[in-house]
Each structure stands twice: as structure tokens, then as C-alpha cells.
Amino acid sequence: MPTGFLGGLLDPAARLWPSDAWPPLVLDDGLRVGSDGGHGPIRYRVIDSDSRRVRFSFGGDREGWHEFRVEGVEGDVLVHEARLHRPSATDRCFVIQLHDALIEHLLDDAESGGARYPRRRWPGGSRWRYLLAAAARPDPDSGHRSVRRLVAGVIGSTGALHLVWAAGSSFPARTRRELAHAVIGTTGKSGGLPSAVPTAAVGAALVGLAGLVVAQPYSDVLRAAGIPSTRRLDVALRIAEAVFGARGVIGLIGPTGSRHPRYRVLNAVVYSPLCLLLAAGLHALLSGDEAAAVSSH
């Protein structure tokens, strides 16, 4: 059975298999012949194994094999080789490219002694496939799933509504003047909405913020794909939490006597309470993630 360098494939402490960003390699009997397992949906069986090589056959409908072997006089050259017969359309479109990216990352980690970031090697087209596959997996933060969906949904819907207004719509009011009365509280016939550019900017920012809320549980995946780190993402959400909280508090205690009556009612019943609820939701998500991180150490 392989030991040393190849034995690190199953040892998290060896930091050889890139399990921080990819599904871990799990086998029911280690690297011995006959051991079953795989990583994620890809199933394997060990069919050959010695001190310098381990070969896996693919499970399911896939025909072929792949292997790791150590070469060189001093055993310091790691080689991966694969053969897949009659790959399906899914294999050609996704599996092969993602498999290549995983192996490139493994080789990066092996070369750098376990320093996993940043990932240098992304075979052509594999990065967007990686992000699509990650987005399709279940939300790892199951305890906050409903809160996350609600917060992201409200923020994203509000952003989409701003983009609709920027395009010239008065929805859900009958006219743009009535919309201005309800949304910003202008009075009189001359009162109007801001121009399209700042309205669209606010809408785009809110839609982007909703995306950050959804993306937060996948920070390991985003970091592996070269997208800004978890710390930056959390800072952005903390800023949004503070902005929503401030808007809610100021909206409830600030003077609104000069605003249109329709705005005053909506501000007291909808706008300010909703901002406070969004701030509370973001706080719960961020605090829960911090507690989980502390408990895991």
C-alpha cells in the first residue's frame, strides 16, 4: 500500500488533496486494493496499489481509470494519469474540465508544500464550471438557510424595483409623481424622482448585495476561485448591516413632517421596520458564521 507522499492523499494534515475547496477523497479501506469510495459524486475503486503507485477505476457507467504514481530516483516527482473511455456529454462539458482543475490544484499544493492559496492553475473554462457546480450544491449553512433566503430575496427584490424605476416605470404607483410621493416623500406637482443614473446605481448595488448574502456560505469556493476573500465579503456585509440599521433608526426617530403623508405612513409601517429587520438578519447571519468558525477551532 502507498505510504509517504501518496499516503497524504487521505490525510488532511498532509494538505495534499485540496479538500479545503473540493470534496475530500474518502475510501472505506484506505489505499488498499478493493477499497471503495470517491470524492463528491465521482465514485472510485482501488484496483492496483503498491509503494509508488495507486490506480483507481471509475464507478458507475464510466469506463476507465486514473492513477497517481511517484517517479524519480528520490521519489520526488508526482505524476497523475487518466483514461476515460467513451465519455458522455456531461463528462465532456463538466467532469473532465473540473477533474483537470482539481488535479492542477493538487499539484500546486504538492509543489508548494501545502500552501493552498492562491490557486495558480485553472485549465481553460474550468473556473466558471467550478462556480456553477458549487452554486448547485446545497447551502452548507443549513441553520440559517431560511433567514439567508429571506434577506437576500428582500434586498434583491428591492434592487430590481429600483432598476425598473430607473427604466422609467412607475410600478406599483399609477404615475411617477405618485411614486415620488410614496418613495421619497416629495410634495407638490414639481416633486420628482432622482434621475435614472443614481437610481440604477442603487438598484445594481442592492442586487449585488443580495448576491453577496447568497455567496457568503461558499466563501471557501470563492476564495479558491480567486474571488475576494471571506474577510472582504464579511466587511461588505457588516457595512450593509450598519447602513440598514442607521436608515431604520433615523427613519423612525427623524423628523418627517415636511414629507408627503403617504410617505410618512409607509416609512413608519414598512420602510424603517424593514431596514431594521434586514440589519437584524444580516447580524444574525454574520454572528452565526463567526460562532461556527470559533467552535470549529
C-alpha atoms as a PDB file:
ATOM      1  CA  MET A   1       0.000   0.000   0.000  1.00  0.00           C
ATOM      2  CA  PRO A   2       1.317   3.508  -0.779  1.00  0.00           C
ATOM      3  CA  THR A   3       2.915   5.342   2.100  1.00  0.00           C
ATOM      4  CA  GLY A   4       4.699   8.643   2.472  1.00  0.00           C
ATOM      5  CA  PHE A   5       3.823  11.119  -0.263  1.00  0.00           C
ATOM      6  CA  LEU A   6       0.923   9.161  -1.779  1.00  0.00           C
ATOM      7  CA  GLY A   7      -0.383   8.282   1.662  1.00  0.00           C
ATOM      8  CA  GLY A   8      -1.078  12.005   2.069  1.00  0.00           C
ATOM      9  CA  LEU A   9      -3.980  11.735  -0.377  1.00  0.00           C
ATOM     10  CA  LEU A  10      -6.194  10.657   2.516  1.00  0.00           C
ATOM     11  CA  ASP A  11      -4.500  12.594   5.321  1.00  0.00           C
ATOM     12  CA  PRO A  12      -5.902  16.124   5.851  1.00  0.00           C
ATOM     13  CA  ALA A  13      -2.793  17.058   7.819  1.00  0.00           C
ATOM     14  CA  ALA A  14      -0.631  16.390   4.756  1.00  0.00           C
ATOM     15  CA  ARG A  15      -2.545  19.087   2.820  1.00  0.00           C
ATOM     16  CA  LEU A  16      -2.013  17.195  -0.435  1.00  0.00           C
ATOM     17  CA  TRP A  17      -5.601  16.613  -1.511  1.00  0.00           C
ATOM     18  CA  PRO A  18      -7.223  20.101  -1.895  1.00  0.00           C
ATOM     19  CA  SER A  19     -10.191  19.271   0.354  1.00  0.00           C
ATOM     20  CA  ASP A  20     -10.493  22.879   1.518  1.00  0.00           C
ATOM     21  CA  ALA A  21     -12.172  23.756  -1.785  1.00  0.00           C
ATOM     22  CA  TRP A  22     -13.042  20.379  -3.335  1.00  0.00           C
ATOM     23  CA  PRO A  23     -14.919  17.336  -1.974  1.00  0.00           C
ATOM     24  CA  PRO A  24     -12.457  15.218   0.058  1.00  0.00           C
ATOM     25  CA  LEU A  25     -11.229  11.868  -1.202  1.00  0.00           C
ATOM     26  CA  VAL A  26     -12.858   9.226   1.025  1.00  0.00           C
ATOM     27  CA  LEU A  27     -12.139   5.465   0.773  1.00  0.00           C
ATOM     28  CA  ASP A  28     -13.590   2.789   3.034  1.00  0.00           C
ATOM     29  CA  ASP A  29     -10.326   0.826   3.357  1.00  0.00           C
ATOM     30  CA  GLY A  30      -7.640   3.365   2.658  1.00  0.00           C
ATOM     31  CA  LEU A  31      -5.480   2.845  -0.421  1.00  0.00           C
ATOM     32  CA  ARG A  32      -5.695  -0.957  -0.355  1.00  0.00           C
ATOM     33  CA  VAL A  33      -6.872  -2.879  -3.414  1.00  0.00           C
ATOM     34  CA  GLY A  34     -10.666  -3.265  -3.363  1.00  0.00           C
ATOM     35  CA  SER A  35     -11.273  -0.125  -1.319  1.00  0.00           C
ATOM     36  CA  ASP A  36     -14.381   1.784  -2.454  1.00  0.00           C
ATOM     37  CA  GLY A  37     -15.162   5.473  -2.251  1.00  0.00           C
ATOM     38  CA  GLY A  38     -14.549   8.619  -4.233  1.00  0.00           C
ATOM     39  CA  HIS A  39     -14.884  12.382  -3.965  1.00  0.00           C
ATOM     40  CA  GLY A  40     -18.235  14.070  -4.296  1.00  0.00           C
ATOM     41  CA  PRO A  41     -20.368  12.339  -6.961  1.00  0.00           C
ATOM     42  CA  ILE A  42     -17.327  10.689  -8.611  1.00  0.00           C
ATOM     43  CA  ARG A  43     -17.016   7.092  -7.415  1.00  0.00           C
ATOM     44  CA  TYR A  44     -13.791   5.062  -7.376  1.00  0.00           C
ATOM     45  CA  ARG A  45     -12.421   1.627  -6.549  1.00  0.00           C
ATOM     46  CA  VAL A  46      -8.739   0.930  -5.899  1.00  0.00           C
ATOM     47  CA  ILE A  47      -7.642  -1.713  -8.448  1.00  0.00           C
ATOM     48  CA  ASP A  48      -3.859  -1.576  -8.075  1.00  0.00           C
ATOM     49  CA  SER A  49      -1.651  -0.334  -5.289  1.00  0.00           C
ATOM     50  CA  ASP A  50       1.996  -0.524  -4.279  1.00  0.00           C
ATOM     51  CA  SER A  51       4.515   1.704  -2.525  1.00  0.00           C
ATOM     52  CA  ARG A  52       4.876   4.058  -5.503  1.00  0.00           C
ATOM     53  CA  ARG A  53       1.531   3.906  -7.291  1.00  0.00           C
ATOM     54  CA  VAL A  54      -2.215   3.738  -6.717  1.00  0.00           C
ATOM     55  CA  ARG A  55      -4.712   3.204  -9.549  1.00  0.00           C
ATOM     56  CA  PHE A  56      -8.471   3.745  -9.337  1.00  0.00           C
ATOM     57  CA  SER A  57     -11.207   2.501 -11.661  1.00  0.00           C
ATOM     58  CA  PHE A  58     -14.183   4.787 -12.212  1.00  0.00           C
ATOM     59  CA  GLY A  59     -17.526   3.717 -10.766  1.00  0.00           C
ATOM     60  CA  GLY A  60     -20.996   3.809 -12.269  1.00  0.00           C
ATOM     61  CA  ASP A  61     -21.307   3.980 -16.043  1.00  0.00           C
ATOM     62  CA  ARG A  62     -17.838   5.417 -16.595  1.00  0.00           C
ATOM     63  CA  GLU A  63     -15.233   3.099 -18.092  1.00  0.00           C
ATOM     64  CA  GLY A  64     -11.626   3.886 -17.401  1.00  0.00           C
ATOM     65  CA  TRP A  65      -9.108   4.538 -14.678  1.00  0.00           C
ATOM     66  CA  HIS A  66      -6.803   7.147 -13.243  1.00  0.00           C
ATOM     67  CA  GLU A  67      -3.700   6.827 -11.104  1.00  0.00           C
ATOM     68  CA  PHE A  68      -1.145   8.666  -9.049  1.00  0.00           C
ATOM     69  CA  ARG A  69       2.438   7.497  -9.076  1.00  0.00           C
ATOM     70  CA  VAL A  70       5.747   8.669  -7.692  1.00  0.00           C
ATOM     71  CA  GLU A  71       8.707   8.750 -10.057  1.00  0.00           C
ATOM     72  CA  GLY A  72      12.304   9.873  -9.903  1.00  0.00           C
ATOM     73  CA  VAL A  73      15.330   8.443  -8.139  1.00  0.00           C
ATOM     74  CA  GLU A  74      14.440  10.232  -4.928  1.00  0.00           C
ATOM     75  CA  GLY A  75      10.698   9.755  -5.357  1.00  0.00           C
ATOM     76  CA  ASP A  76      10.072  13.480  -5.603  1.00  0.00           C
ATOM     77  CA  VAL A  77       8.086  13.556  -8.857  1.00  0.00           C
ATOM     78  CA  LEU A  78       4.302  13.157  -8.592  1.00  0.00           C
ATOM     79  CA  VAL A  79       2.523  12.084 -11.782  1.00  0.00           C
ATOM     80  CA  HIS A  80      -1.204  11.782 -12.478  1.00  0.00           C
ATOM     81  CA  GLU A  81      -2.559   9.898 -15.488  1.00  0.00           C
ATOM     82  CA  ALA A  82      -6.165   9.182 -16.506  1.00  0.00           C
ATOM     83  CA  ARG A  83      -8.003   7.247 -19.212  1.00  0.00           C
ATOM     84  CA  LEU A  84     -11.751   7.635 -19.751  1.00  0.00           C
ATOM     85  CA  HIS A  85     -13.424   5.596 -22.499  1.00  0.00           C
ATOM     86  CA  ARG A  86     -16.487   6.895 -24.336  1.00  0.00           C
ATOM     87  CA  PRO A  87     -17.134   9.948 -22.105  1.00  0.00           C
ATOM     88  CA  SER A  88     -20.708  11.223 -22.025  1.00  0.00           C
ATOM     89  CA  ALA A  89     -21.727  14.749 -22.984  1.00  0.00           C
ATOM     90  CA  THR A  90     -21.813  15.695 -19.281  1.00  0.00           C
ATOM     91  CA  ASP A  91     -18.338  14.284 -18.827  1.00  0.00           C
ATOM     92  CA  ARG A  92     -17.033  16.297 -21.771  1.00  0.00           C
ATOM     93  CA  CYS A  93     -18.740  19.526 -20.727  1.00  0.00           C
ATOM     94  CA  PHE A  94     -18.135  19.467 -16.967  1.00  0.00           C
ATOM     95  CA  VAL A  95     -16.472  16.464 -15.369  1.00  0.00           C
ATOM     96  CA  ILE A  96     -13.245  16.382 -17.374  1.00  0.00           C
ATOM     97  CA  GLN A  97     -12.569  20.115 -17.006  1.00  0.00           C
ATOM     98  CA  LEU A  98     -13.364  20.098 -13.284  1.00  0.00           C
ATOM     99  CA  HIS A  99     -11.256  16.987 -12.758  1.00  0.00           C
ATOM    100  CA  ASP A 100      -8.347  18.670 -14.550  1.00  0.00           C
ATOM    101  CA  ALA A 101      -8.711  21.768 -12.347  1.00  0.00           C
ATOM    102  CA  LEU A 102      -8.736  19.657  -9.173  1.00  0.00           C
ATOM    103  CA  ILE A 103      -5.577  17.828 -10.249  1.00  0.00           C
ATOM    104  CA  GLU A 104      -3.830  21.083 -11.135  1.00  0.00           C
ATOM    105  CA  HIS A 105      -4.660  22.422  -7.673  1.00  0.00           C
ATOM    106  CA  LEU A 106      -3.414  19.207  -6.065  1.00  0.00           C
ATOM    107  CA  LEU A 107      -0.144  19.531  -7.976  1.00  0.00           C
ATOM    108  CA  ASP A 108       0.097  23.190  -6.939  1.00  0.00           C
ATOM    109  CA  ASP A 109      -0.330  22.206  -3.305  1.00  0.00           C
ATOM    110  CA  ALA A 110       2.194  19.394  -3.618  1.00  0.00           C
ATOM    111  CA  GLU A 111       4.726  21.765  -5.165  1.00  0.00           C
ATOM    112  CA  SER A 112       4.195  24.494  -2.583  1.00  0.00           C
ATOM    113  CA  GLY A 113       4.177  22.177   0.406  1.00  0.00           C
ATOM    114  CA  GLY A 114       0.514  22.695   1.279  1.00  0.00           C
ATOM    115  CA  ALA A 115       0.221  26.457   0.732  1.00  0.00           C
ATOM    116  CA  ARG A 116      -3.193  26.278  -0.882  1.00  0.00           C
ATOM    117  CA  TYR A 117      -3.838  29.872  -1.922  1.00  0.00           C
ATOM    118  CA  PRO A 118      -3.789  31.451  -4.393  1.00  0.00           C
ATOM    119  CA  ARG A 119      -4.636  28.801  -6.963  1.00  0.00           C
ATOM    120  CA  ARG A 120      -2.415  29.424  -9.970  1.00  0.00           C
ATOM    121  CA  ARG A 121      -3.706  26.860 -12.420  1.00  0.00           C
ATOM    122  CA  TRP A 122      -7.177  26.959 -13.895  1.00  0.00           C
ATOM    123  CA  PRO A 123      -7.484  24.996 -17.157  1.00  0.00           C
ATOM    124  CA  GLY A 124      -9.409  26.894 -19.823  1.00  0.00           C
ATOM    125  CA  GLY A 125     -13.092  27.276 -18.981  1.00  0.00           C
ATOM    126  CA  SER A 126     -12.873  25.365 -15.703  1.00  0.00           C
ATOM    127  CA  ARG A 127     -13.333  28.341 -13.357  1.00  0.00           C
ATOM    128  CA  TRP A 128     -16.929  29.135 -14.391  1.00  0.00           C
ATOM    129  CA  ARG A 129     -17.793  25.419 -14.370  1.00  0.00           C
ATOM    130  CA  TYR A 130     -16.410  25.228 -10.849  1.00  0.00           C
ATOM    131  CA  LEU A 131     -18.590  28.135  -9.689  1.00  0.00           C
ATOM    132  CA  LEU A 132     -21.688  26.632 -11.358  1.00  0.00           C
ATOM    133  CA  ALA A 133     -21.095  23.283  -9.683  1.00  0.00           C
ATOM    134  CA  ALA A 134     -20.601  24.998  -6.316  1.00  0.00           C
ATOM    135  CA  ALA A 135     -23.798  27.015  -6.732  1.00  0.00           C
ATOM    136  CA  ALA A 136     -25.725  23.790  -7.385  1.00  0.00           C
ATOM    137  CA  ARG A 137     -24.678  22.163  -4.118  1.00  0.00           C
ATOM    138  CA  PRO A 138     -26.897  22.520  -1.004  1.00  0.00           C
ATOM    139  CA  ASP A 139     -26.380  25.557   1.202  1.00  0.00           C
ATOM    140  CA  PRO A 140     -23.805  24.367   3.778  1.00  0.00           C
ATOM    141  CA  ASP A 141     -25.215  26.827   6.328  1.00  0.00           C
ATOM    142  CA  SER A 142     -28.474  24.910   6.797  1.00  0.00           C
ATOM    143  CA  GLY A 143     -29.222  26.515  10.167  1.00  0.00           C
ATOM    144  CA  HIS A 144     -29.551  29.956   8.574  1.00  0.00           C
ATOM    145  CA  ARG A 145     -30.896  28.871   5.203  1.00  0.00           C
ATOM    146  CA  SER A 146     -34.371  30.407   5.600  1.00  0.00           C
ATOM    147  CA  VAL A 147     -33.024  33.681   7.024  1.00  0.00           C
ATOM    148  CA  ARG A 148     -30.451  33.931   4.241  1.00  0.00           C
ATOM    149  CA  ARG A 149     -33.033  33.340   1.527  1.00  0.00           C
ATOM    150  CA  LEU A 150     -35.420  35.884   3.044  1.00  0.00           C
ATOM    151  CA  VAL A 151     -32.777  38.595   3.475  1.00  0.00           C
ATOM    152  CA  ALA A 152     -31.322  38.045   0.004  1.00  0.00           C
ATOM    153  CA  GLY A 153     -34.801  37.909  -1.539  1.00  0.00           C
ATOM    154  CA  VAL A 154     -35.943  41.188   0.022  1.00  0.00           C
ATOM    155  CA  ILE A 155     -32.715  43.011  -0.850  1.00  0.00           C
ATOM    156  CA  GLY A 156     -32.634  41.624  -4.382  1.00  0.00           C
ATOM    157  CA  SER A 157     -36.312  42.439  -4.993  1.00  0.00           C
ATOM    158  CA  THR A 158     -35.777  45.992  -3.768  1.00  0.00           C
ATOM    159  CA  GLY A 159     -32.797  46.338  -6.083  1.00  0.00           C
ATOM    160  CA  ALA A 160     -34.786  45.013  -9.032  1.00  0.00           C
ATOM    161  CA  LEU A 161     -37.546  47.508  -8.255  1.00  0.00           C
ATOM    162  CA  HIS A 162     -35.026  50.373  -8.377  1.00  0.00           C
ATOM    163  CA  LEU A 163     -33.809  49.158 -11.764  1.00  0.00           C
ATOM    164  CA  VAL A 164     -37.406  49.122 -13.003  1.00  0.00           C
ATOM    165  CA  TRP A 165     -37.847  52.706 -11.779  1.00  0.00           C
ATOM    166  CA  ALA A 166     -34.578  53.720 -13.460  1.00  0.00           C
ATOM    167  CA  ALA A 167     -36.005  52.392 -16.729  1.00  0.00           C
ATOM    168  CA  GLY A 168     -38.955  54.799 -16.405  1.00  0.00           C
ATOM    169  CA  SER A 169     -41.650  52.639 -14.821  1.00  0.00           C
ATOM    170  CA  SER A 170     -43.897  53.964 -12.057  1.00  0.00           C
ATOM    171  CA  PHE A 171     -44.760  50.483 -10.710  1.00  0.00           C
ATOM    172  CA  PRO A 172     -46.580  49.985  -8.373  1.00  0.00           C
ATOM    173  CA  ALA A 173     -47.923  53.580  -8.457  1.00  0.00           C
ATOM    174  CA  ARG A 174     -50.067  54.880 -11.289  1.00  0.00           C
ATOM    175  CA  THR A 175     -47.793  57.801 -12.131  1.00  0.00           C
ATOM    176  CA  ARG A 176     -44.190  58.834 -11.490  1.00  0.00           C
ATOM    177  CA  ARG A 177     -45.404  61.738  -9.329  1.00  0.00           C
ATOM    178  CA  GLU A 178     -47.391  59.389  -7.093  1.00  0.00           C
ATOM    179  CA  LEU A 179     -44.330  57.138  -6.912  1.00  0.00           C
ATOM    180  CA  ALA A 180     -42.200  60.089  -5.774  1.00  0.00           C
ATOM    181  CA  HIS A 181     -44.793  60.922  -3.096  1.00  0.00           C
ATOM    182  CA  ALA A 182     -44.654  57.352  -1.759  1.00  0.00           C
ATOM    183  CA  VAL A 183     -40.945  56.563  -2.100  1.00  0.00           C
ATOM    184  CA  ILE A 184     -39.110  59.779  -1.232  1.00  0.00           C
ATOM    185  CA  GLY A 185     -41.928  61.897   0.177  1.00  0.00           C
ATOM    186  CA  THR A 186     -41.770  64.840  -2.213  1.00  0.00           C
ATOM    187  CA  THR A 187     -44.793  67.109  -2.164  1.00  0.00           C
ATOM    188  CA  GLY A 188     -46.450  69.259  -4.785  1.00  0.00           C
ATOM    189  CA  LYS A 189     -46.571  68.915  -8.523  1.00  0.00           C
ATOM    190  CA  SER A 190     -42.922  69.794  -9.005  1.00  0.00           C
ATOM    191  CA  GLY A 191     -41.604  66.978  -6.833  1.00  0.00           C
ATOM    192  CA  GLY A 192     -39.947  64.157  -8.721  1.00  0.00           C
ATOM    193  CA  LEU A 193     -37.744  61.106  -8.503  1.00  0.00           C
ATOM    194  CA  PRO A 194     -33.947  61.139  -8.788  1.00  0.00           C
ATOM    195  CA  SER A 195     -32.543  60.689 -12.299  1.00  0.00           C
ATOM    196  CA  ALA A 196     -32.068  57.282 -13.868  1.00  0.00           C
ATOM    197  CA  VAL A 197     -28.322  57.011 -13.210  1.00  0.00           C
ATOM    198  CA  PRO A 198     -28.322  57.205  -9.386  1.00  0.00           C
ATOM    199  CA  THR A 199     -31.498  55.113  -9.214  1.00  0.00           C
ATOM    200  CA  ALA A 200     -29.891  52.426 -11.373  1.00  0.00           C
ATOM    201  CA  ALA A 201     -26.718  52.595  -9.272  1.00  0.00           C
ATOM    202  CA  VAL A 202     -28.705  51.962  -6.092  1.00  0.00           C
ATOM    203  CA  GLY A 203     -30.550  49.104  -7.776  1.00  0.00           C
ATOM    204  CA  ALA A 204     -27.347  47.482  -9.006  1.00  0.00           C
ATOM    205  CA  ALA A 205     -25.740  47.838  -5.562  1.00  0.00           C
ATOM    206  CA  LEU A 206     -28.719  46.163  -3.878  1.00  0.00           C
ATOM    207  CA  VAL A 207     -28.782  43.301  -6.379  1.00  0.00           C
ATOM    208  CA  GLY A 208     -25.042  42.849  -5.866  1.00  0.00           C
ATOM    209  CA  LEU A 209     -25.517  42.872  -2.092  1.00  0.00           C
ATOM    210  CA  ALA A 210     -28.152  40.147  -2.398  1.00  0.00           C
ATOM    211  CA  GLY A 211     -25.607  38.121  -4.333  1.00  0.00           C
ATOM    212  CA  LEU A 212     -23.054  38.565  -1.538  1.00  0.00           C
ATOM    213  CA  VAL A 213     -25.582  37.356   1.035  1.00  0.00           C
ATOM    214  CA  VAL A 214     -26.210  34.219  -1.012  1.00  0.00           C
ATOM    215  CA  ALA A 215     -22.499  33.703  -1.686  1.00  0.00           C
ATOM    216  CA  GLN A 216     -21.291  34.003   1.908  1.00  0.00           C
ATOM    217  CA  PRO A 217     -21.579  30.292   2.870  1.00  0.00           C
ATOM    218  CA  TYR A 218     -19.467  29.434  -0.182  1.00  0.00           C
ATOM    219  CA  SER A 219     -16.544  31.632   0.812  1.00  0.00           C
ATOM    220  CA  ASP A 220     -14.123  28.683   0.562  1.00  0.00           C
ATOM    221  CA  VAL A 221     -15.206  28.104  -3.024  1.00  0.00           C
ATOM    222  CA  LEU A 222     -14.993  31.793  -3.904  1.00  0.00           C
ATOM    223  CA  ARG A 223     -11.549  32.099  -2.374  1.00  0.00           C
ATOM    224  CA  ALA A 224     -10.318  29.057  -4.279  1.00  0.00           C
ATOM    225  CA  ALA A 225     -11.671  30.571  -7.496  1.00  0.00           C
ATOM    226  CA  GLY A 226      -9.679  33.756  -6.915  1.00  0.00           C
ATOM    227  CA  ILE A 227     -12.618  35.917  -5.814  1.00  0.00           C
ATOM    228  CA  PRO A 228     -12.093  38.332  -2.859  1.00  0.00           C
ATOM    229  CA  SER A 229     -11.532  36.705   0.481  1.00  0.00           C
ATOM    230  CA  THR A 230     -14.010  35.904   3.208  1.00  0.00           C
ATOM    231  CA  ARG A 231     -12.816  38.892   5.244  1.00  0.00           C
ATOM    232  CA  ARG A 232     -13.661  41.355   2.464  1.00  0.00           C
ATOM    233  CA  LEU A 233     -17.052  39.758   1.920  1.00  0.00           C
ATOM    234  CA  ASP A 234     -17.869  39.939   5.624  1.00  0.00           C
ATOM    235  CA  VAL A 235     -16.732  43.582   5.787  1.00  0.00           C
ATOM    236  CA  ALA A 236     -19.105  44.448   2.931  1.00  0.00           C
ATOM    237  CA  LEU A 237     -21.990  42.745   4.730  1.00  0.00           C
ATOM    238  CA  ARG A 238     -21.106  44.476   8.020  1.00  0.00           C
ATOM    239  CA  ILE A 239     -21.229  47.828   6.229  1.00  0.00           C
ATOM    240  CA  ALA A 240     -24.625  46.923   4.768  1.00  0.00           C
ATOM    241  CA  GLU A 241     -25.831  45.922   8.239  1.00  0.00           C
ATOM    242  CA  ALA A 242     -24.783  49.312   9.616  1.00  0.00           C
ATOM    243  CA  VAL A 243     -26.399  51.211   6.729  1.00  0.00           C
ATOM    244  CA  PHE A 244     -29.716  49.385   7.060  1.00  0.00           C
ATOM    245  CA  GLY A 245     -29.668  49.813  10.834  1.00  0.00           C
ATOM    246  CA  ALA A 246     -28.945  53.530  10.600  1.00  0.00           C
ATOM    247  CA  ARG A 247     -31.655  54.010   7.973  1.00  0.00           C
ATOM    248  CA  GLY A 248     -34.173  52.212  10.155  1.00  0.00           C
ATOM    249  CA  VAL A 249     -33.376  54.176  13.292  1.00  0.00           C
ATOM    250  CA  ILE A 250     -33.217  57.572  11.571  1.00  0.00           C
ATOM    251  CA  GLY A 251     -36.424  56.808   9.719  1.00  0.00           C
ATOM    252  CA  LEU A 252     -38.272  56.143  12.976  1.00  0.00           C
ATOM    253  CA  ILE A 253     -36.932  58.994  15.085  1.00  0.00           C
ATOM    254  CA  GLY A 254     -36.103  61.623  12.451  1.00  0.00           C
ATOM    255  CA  PRO A 255     -38.493  64.450  11.514  1.00  0.00           C
ATOM    256  CA  THR A 256     -40.800  63.634   8.595  1.00  0.00           C
ATOM    257  CA  GLY A 257     -43.346  66.408   8.945  1.00  0.00           C
ATOM    258  CA  SER A 258     -42.326  68.049   5.673  1.00  0.00           C
ATOM    259  CA  ARG A 259     -42.765  64.818   3.713  1.00  0.00           C
ATOM    260  CA  HIS A 260     -45.866  63.674   1.854  1.00  0.00           C
ATOM    261  CA  PRO A 261     -48.428  61.948   4.132  1.00  0.00           C
ATOM    262  CA  ARG A 262     -48.261  58.761   2.063  1.00  0.00           C
ATOM    263  CA  TYR A 263     -44.503  58.556   2.618  1.00  0.00           C
ATOM    264  CA  ARG A 264     -44.870  59.165   6.362  1.00  0.00           C
ATOM    265  CA  VAL A 265     -47.216  56.208   6.696  1.00  0.00           C
ATOM    266  CA  LEU A 266     -45.112  53.893   4.542  1.00  0.00           C
ATOM    267  CA  ASN A 267     -41.927  54.958   6.299  1.00  0.00           C
ATOM    268  CA  ALA A 268     -43.359  54.197   9.735  1.00  0.00           C
ATOM    269  CA  VAL A 269     -45.046  50.926   8.749  1.00  0.00           C
ATOM    270  CA  VAL A 270     -42.802  49.490   6.001  1.00  0.00           C
ATOM    271  CA  TYR A 271     -39.522  51.223   5.160  1.00  0.00           C
ATOM    272  CA  SER A 272     -37.936  51.762   8.582  1.00  0.00           C
ATOM    273  CA  PRO A 273     -39.078  48.472  10.187  1.00  0.00           C
ATOM    274  CA  LEU A 274     -37.948  46.576   7.080  1.00  0.00           C
ATOM    275  CA  CYS A 275     -34.488  48.184   7.234  1.00  0.00           C
ATOM    276  CA  LEU A 276     -34.176  47.231  10.900  1.00  0.00           C
ATOM    277  CA  LEU A 277     -35.240  43.654  10.131  1.00  0.00           C
ATOM    278  CA  LEU A 278     -32.676  43.426   7.314  1.00  0.00           C
ATOM    279  CA  ALA A 279     -29.972  44.727   9.660  1.00  0.00           C
ATOM    280  CA  ALA A 280     -31.001  42.151  12.260  1.00  0.00           C
ATOM    281  CA  GLY A 281     -30.993  39.389   9.651  1.00  0.00           C
ATOM    282  CA  LEU A 282     -27.501  40.287   8.434  1.00  0.00           C
ATOM    283  CA  HIS A 283     -26.284  40.467  12.024  1.00  0.00           C
ATOM    284  CA  ALA A 284     -27.688  37.009  12.758  1.00  0.00           C
ATOM    285  CA  LEU A 285     -26.037  35.522   9.666  1.00  0.00           C
ATOM    286  CA  LEU A 286     -22.652  37.078  10.371  1.00  0.00           C
ATOM    287  CA  SER A 287     -22.711  36.313  14.100  1.00  0.00           C
ATOM    288  CA  GLY A 288     -23.722  32.720  13.428  1.00  0.00           C
ATOM    289  CA  ASP A 289     -20.851  32.257  10.974  1.00  0.00           C
ATOM    290  CA  GLU A 290     -18.364  33.691  13.484  1.00  0.00           C
ATOM    291  CA  ALA A 291     -19.641  31.365  16.238  1.00  0.00           C
ATOM    292  CA  ALA A 292     -19.349  28.371  13.893  1.00  0.00           C
ATOM    293  CA  ALA A 293     -15.802  29.359  12.985  1.00  0.00           C
ATOM    294  CA  VAL A 294     -14.803  29.651  16.660  1.00  0.00           C
ATOM    295  CA  SER A 295     -16.387  26.302  17.597  1.00  0.00           C
ATOM    296  CA  SER A 296     -14.552  24.544  14.757  1.00  0.00           C
ATOM    297  CA  HIS A 297     -11.136  25.527  16.177  1.00  0.00           C
END
